[in-house]
Amino acid sequence: MQDDNLRQSGRRKLLRVTMPDGRVICHKNSVRTFVEALAAIGTETSASQRW
């Protein structure tokens, strides 16, 4: 009965960021991709955007 309740995780997905100049940022770890994309954009620019 317990085997019926086991869950399988979904397939991993990559986070891909394409910059306006055509540069693509994509790593296996989505956090690393996000941090590098923020560094490329710049903290002042990303802070001024209203999400």
PDB file of N, CA and C in Angstrom:
ATOM      1  N   MET A   1       0.815  -1.194   0.000  1.00  0.00           N
ATOM      2  CA  MET A   1       0.000   0.000   0.000  1.00  0.00           C
ATOM      3  C   MET A   1       0.860   1.260   0.000  1.00  0.00           C
ATOM      4  N   GLN A   2       1.992   1.233   0.688  1.00  0.00           N
ATOM      5  CA  GLN A   2       2.858   2.407   0.741  1.00  0.00           C
ATOM      6  C   GLN A   2       3.491   2.706  -0.609  1.00  0.00           C
ATOM      7  N   ASP A   3       3.740   1.677  -1.411  1.00  0.00           N
ATOM      8  CA  ASP A   3       4.352   1.895  -2.719  1.00  0.00           C
ATOM      9  C   ASP A   3       3.457   2.726  -3.634  1.00  0.00           C
ATOM     10  N   ASP A   4       2.149   2.681  -3.424  1.00  0.00           N
ATOM     11  CA  ASP A   4       1.223   3.457  -4.238  1.00  0.00           C
ATOM     12  C   ASP A   4       1.345   4.951  -3.971  1.00  0.00           C
ATOM     13  N   ASN A   5       1.829   5.317  -2.795  1.00  0.00           N
ATOM     14  CA  ASN A   5       1.907   6.720  -2.396  1.00  0.00           C
ATOM     15  C   ASN A   5       3.240   7.374  -2.734  1.00  0.00           C
ATOM     16  N   LEU A   6       4.177   6.621  -3.326  1.00  0.00           N
ATOM     17  CA  LEU A   6       5.471   7.193  -3.668  1.00  0.00           C
ATOM     18  C   LEU A   6       5.303   8.180  -4.815  1.00  0.00           C
ATOM     19  N   ARG A   7       6.007   9.282  -4.721  1.00  0.00           N
ATOM     20  CA  ARG A   7       5.937  10.304  -5.758  1.00  0.00           C
ATOM     21  C   ARG A   7       7.256  10.370  -6.498  1.00  0.00           C
ATOM     22  N   GLN A   8       7.188  10.649  -7.754  1.00  0.00           N
ATOM     23  CA  GLN A   8       8.388  10.808  -8.554  1.00  0.00           C
ATOM     24  C   GLN A   8       8.535  12.281  -8.889  1.00  0.00           C
ATOM     25  N   SER A   9       9.762  12.751  -8.831  1.00  0.00           N
ATOM     26  CA  SER A   9       9.997  14.146  -9.184  1.00  0.00           C
ATOM     27  C   SER A   9       9.954  14.298 -10.704  1.00  0.00           C
ATOM     28  N   GLY A  10       9.583  15.489 -11.119  1.00  0.00           N
ATOM     29  CA  GLY A  10       9.494  15.766 -12.548  1.00  0.00           C
ATOM     30  C   GLY A  10      10.875  15.921 -13.170  1.00  0.00           C
ATOM     31  N   ARG A  11      10.883  15.991 -14.449  1.00  0.00           N
ATOM     32  CA  ARG A  11      12.134  16.159 -15.175  1.00  0.00           C
ATOM     33  C   ARG A  11      12.697  17.550 -14.898  1.00  0.00           C
ATOM     34  N   ARG A  12      13.993  17.628 -14.696  1.00  0.00           N
ATOM     35  CA  ARG A  12      14.638  18.919 -14.419  1.00  0.00           C
ATOM     36  C   ARG A  12      14.580  19.818 -15.637  1.00  0.00           C
ATOM     37  N   LYS A  13      14.407  21.103 -15.384  1.00  0.00           N
ATOM     38  CA  LYS A  13      14.354  22.081 -16.457  1.00  0.00           C
ATOM     39  C   LYS A  13      15.477  23.080 -16.272  1.00  0.00           C
ATOM     40  N   LEU A  14      15.965  23.608 -17.368  1.00  0.00           N
ATOM     41  CA  LEU A  14      17.025  24.597 -17.330  1.00  0.00           C
ATOM     42  C   LEU A  14      16.432  25.995 -17.394  1.00  0.00           C
ATOM     43  N   LEU A  15      17.056  26.911 -16.694  1.00  0.00           N
ATOM     44  CA  LEU A  15      16.689  28.312 -16.775  1.00  0.00           C
ATOM     45  C   LEU A  15      17.639  28.950 -17.776  1.00  0.00           C
ATOM     46  N   ARG A  16      17.089  29.520 -18.829  1.00  0.00           N
ATOM     47  CA  ARG A  16      17.906  30.134 -19.875  1.00  0.00           C
ATOM     48  C   ARG A  16      17.532  31.605 -19.980  1.00  0.00           C
ATOM     49  N   VAL A  17      18.548  32.469 -19.922  1.00  0.00           N
ATOM     50  CA  VAL A  17      18.339  33.908 -20.029  1.00  0.00           C
ATOM     51  C   VAL A  17      19.043  34.383 -21.292  1.00  0.00           C
ATOM     52  N   THR A  18      18.293  35.058 -22.158  1.00  0.00           N
ATOM     53  CA  THR A  18      18.865  35.627 -23.375  1.00  0.00           C
ATOM     54  C   THR A  18      18.889  37.135 -23.227  1.00  0.00           C
ATOM     55  N   MET A  19      20.077  37.703 -23.267  1.00  0.00           N
ATOM     56  CA  MET A  19      20.248  39.143 -23.108  1.00  0.00           C
ATOM     57  C   MET A  19      19.927  39.842 -24.427  1.00  0.00           C
ATOM     58  N   PRO A  20      19.606  41.140 -24.389  1.00  0.00           N
ATOM     59  CA  PRO A  20      19.290  41.872 -25.619  1.00  0.00           C
ATOM     60  C   PRO A  20      20.418  41.855 -26.661  1.00  0.00           C
ATOM     61  N   ASP A  21      21.668  41.728 -26.193  1.00  0.00           N
ATOM     62  CA  ASP A  21      22.788  41.699 -27.134  1.00  0.00           C
ATOM     63  C   ASP A  21      23.021  40.305 -27.730  1.00  0.00           C
ATOM     64  N   GLY A  22      22.176  39.332 -27.380  1.00  0.00           N
ATOM     65  CA  GLY A  22      22.275  37.986 -27.921  1.00  0.00           C
ATOM     66  C   GLY A  22      23.017  37.008 -27.030  1.00  0.00           C
ATOM     67  N   ARG A  23      23.620  37.479 -25.964  1.00  0.00           N
ATOM     68  CA  ARG A  23      24.347  36.608 -25.042  1.00  0.00           C
ATOM     69  C   ARG A  23      23.357  35.710 -24.299  1.00  0.00           C
ATOM     70  N   VAL A  24      23.674  34.429 -24.197  1.00  0.00           N
ATOM     71  CA  VAL A  24      22.803  33.462 -23.529  1.00  0.00           C
ATOM     72  C   VAL A  24      23.483  32.992 -22.255  1.00  0.00           C
ATOM     73  N   ILE A  25      22.752  33.026 -21.160  1.00  0.00           N
ATOM     74  CA  ILE A  25      23.246  32.544 -19.871  1.00  0.00           C
ATOM     75  C   ILE A  25      22.406  31.334 -19.500  1.00  0.00           C
ATOM     76  N   CYS A  26      23.064  30.180 -19.348  1.00  0.00           N
ATOM     77  CA  CYS A  26      22.346  28.949 -19.027  1.00  0.00           C
ATOM     78  C   CYS A  26      23.296  28.001 -18.308  1.00  0.00           C
ATOM     79  N   HIS A  27      22.958  27.650 -17.075  1.00  0.00           N
ATOM     80  CA  HIS A  27      23.738  26.696 -16.289  1.00  0.00           C
ATOM     81  C   HIS A  27      22.826  25.565 -15.841  1.00  0.00           C
ATOM     82  N   LYS A  28      23.403  24.481 -15.386  1.00  0.00           N
ATOM     83  CA  LYS A  28      22.601  23.368 -14.878  1.00  0.00           C
ATOM     84  C   LYS A  28      21.871  23.759 -13.594  1.00  0.00           C
ATOM     85  N   ASN A  29      22.445  24.679 -12.848  1.00  0.00           N
ATOM     86  CA  ASN A  29      21.842  25.136 -11.601  1.00  0.00           C
ATOM     87  C   ASN A  29      21.121  26.452 -11.873  1.00  0.00           C
ATOM     88  N   SER A  30      19.812  26.498 -11.632  1.00  0.00           N
ATOM     89  CA  SER A  30      19.033  27.691 -11.948  1.00  0.00           C
ATOM     90  C   SER A  30      19.420  28.884 -11.073  1.00  0.00           C
ATOM     91  N   VAL A  31      19.851  28.626  -9.844  1.00  0.00           N
ATOM     92  CA  VAL A  31      20.269  29.730  -8.964  1.00  0.00           C
ATOM     93  C   VAL A  31      21.511  30.402  -9.526  1.00  0.00           C
ATOM     94  N   ARG A  32      22.442  29.614 -10.015  1.00  0.00           N
ATOM     95  CA  ARG A  32      23.667  30.171 -10.606  1.00  0.00           C
ATOM     96  C   ARG A  32      23.350  30.999 -11.857  1.00  0.00           C
ATOM     97  N   THR A  33      22.418  30.508 -12.667  1.00  0.00           N
ATOM     98  CA  THR A  33      21.989  31.252 -13.855  1.00  0.00           C
ATOM     99  C   THR A  33      21.364  32.577 -13.456  1.00  0.00           C
ATOM    100  N   PHE A  34      20.492  32.543 -12.446  1.00  0.00           N
ATOM    101  CA  PHE A  34      19.815  33.747 -11.979  1.00  0.00           C
ATOM    102  C   PHE A  34      20.806  34.778 -11.454  1.00  0.00           C
ATOM    103  N   VAL A  35      21.771  34.330 -10.651  1.00  0.00           N
ATOM    104  CA  VAL A  35      22.766  35.242 -10.078  1.00  0.00           C
ATOM    105  C   VAL A  35      23.633  35.851 -11.175  1.00  0.00           C
ATOM    106  N   GLU A  36      24.053  35.049 -12.138  1.00  0.00           N
ATOM    107  CA  GLU A  36      24.882  35.572 -13.221  1.00  0.00           C
ATOM    108  C   GLU A  36      24.092  36.553 -14.093  1.00  0.00           C
ATOM    109  N   ALA A  37      22.815  36.272 -14.306  1.00  0.00           N
ATOM    110  CA  ALA A  37      21.975  37.184 -15.089  1.00  0.00           C
ATOM    111  C   ALA A  37      21.808  38.513 -14.357  1.00  0.00           C
ATOM    112  N   LEU A  38      21.603  38.481 -13.050  1.00  0.00           N
ATOM    113  CA  LEU A  38      21.508  39.724 -12.275  1.00  0.00           C
ATOM    114  C   LEU A  38      22.814  40.495 -12.322  1.00  0.00           C
ATOM    115  N   ALA A  39      23.931  39.799 -12.257  1.00  0.00           N
ATOM    116  CA  ALA A  39      25.229  40.468 -12.330  1.00  0.00           C
ATOM    117  C   ALA A  39      25.419  41.117 -13.699  1.00  0.00           C
ATOM    118  N   ALA A  40      24.936  40.452 -14.754  1.00  0.00           N
ATOM    119  CA  ALA A  40      25.073  41.011 -16.095  1.00  0.00           C
ATOM    120  C   ALA A  40      24.181  42.228 -16.282  1.00  0.00           C
ATOM    121  N   ILE A  41      22.996  42.182 -15.704  1.00  0.00           N
ATOM    122  CA  ILE A  41      22.068  43.315 -15.797  1.00  0.00           C
ATOM    123  C   ILE A  41      22.570  44.473 -14.944  1.00  0.00           C
ATOM    124  N   GLY A  42      23.058  44.137 -13.768  1.00  0.00           N
ATOM    125  CA  GLY A  42      23.525  45.140 -12.825  1.00  0.00           C
ATOM    126  C   GLY A  42      22.509  45.313 -11.712  1.00  0.00           C
ATOM    127  N   THR A  43      22.985  45.448 -10.505  1.00  0.00           N
ATOM    128  CA  THR A  43      22.079  45.537  -9.363  1.00  0.00           C
ATOM    129  C   THR A  43      21.283  46.831  -9.368  1.00  0.00           C
ATOM    130  N   GLU A  44      21.871  47.929  -9.818  1.00  0.00           N
ATOM    131  CA  GLU A  44      21.149  49.197  -9.858  1.00  0.00           C
ATOM    132  C   GLU A  44      20.017  49.157 -10.877  1.00  0.00           C
ATOM    133  N   THR A  45      20.266  48.554 -12.012  1.00  0.00           N
ATOM    134  CA  THR A  45      19.240  48.454 -13.049  1.00  0.00           C
ATOM    135  C   THR A  45      18.104  47.560 -12.592  1.00  0.00           C
ATOM    136  N   SER A  46      18.433  46.412 -12.006  1.00  0.00           N
ATOM    137  CA  SER A  46      17.381  45.465 -11.587  1.00  0.00           C
ATOM    138  C   SER A  46      16.603  46.013 -10.391  1.00  0.00           C
ATOM    139  N   ALA A  47      17.249  46.815  -9.542  1.00  0.00           N
ATOM    140  CA  ALA A  47      16.546  47.396  -8.402  1.00  0.00           C
ATOM    141  C   ALA A  47      15.588  48.492  -8.828  1.00  0.00           C
ATOM    142  N   SER A  48      15.889  49.167  -9.918  1.00  0.00           N
ATOM    143  CA  SER A  48      15.020  50.246 -10.365  1.00  0.00           C
ATOM    144  C   SER A  48      13.784  49.733 -11.109  1.00  0.00           C
ATOM    145  N   GLN A  49      13.815  48.478 -11.562  1.00  0.00           N
ATOM    146  CA  GLN A  49      12.667  47.898 -12.254  1.00  0.00           C
ATOM    147  C   GLN A  49      11.596  47.531 -11.242  1.00  0.00           C
ATOM    148  N   ARG A  50      10.364  47.790 -11.563  1.00  0.00           N
ATOM    149  CA  ARG A  50       9.263  47.422 -10.683  1.00  0.00           C
ATOM    150  C   ARG A  50       8.703  46.108 -11.169  1.00  0.00           C
ATOM    151  N   TRP A  51       8.900  45.047 -10.439  1.00  0.00           N
ATOM    152  CA  TRP A  51       8.456  43.707 -10.807  1.00  0.00           C
ATOM    153  C   TRP A  51       7.077  43.587 -10.387  1.00  0.00           C
TER     154      TRP A  51
END
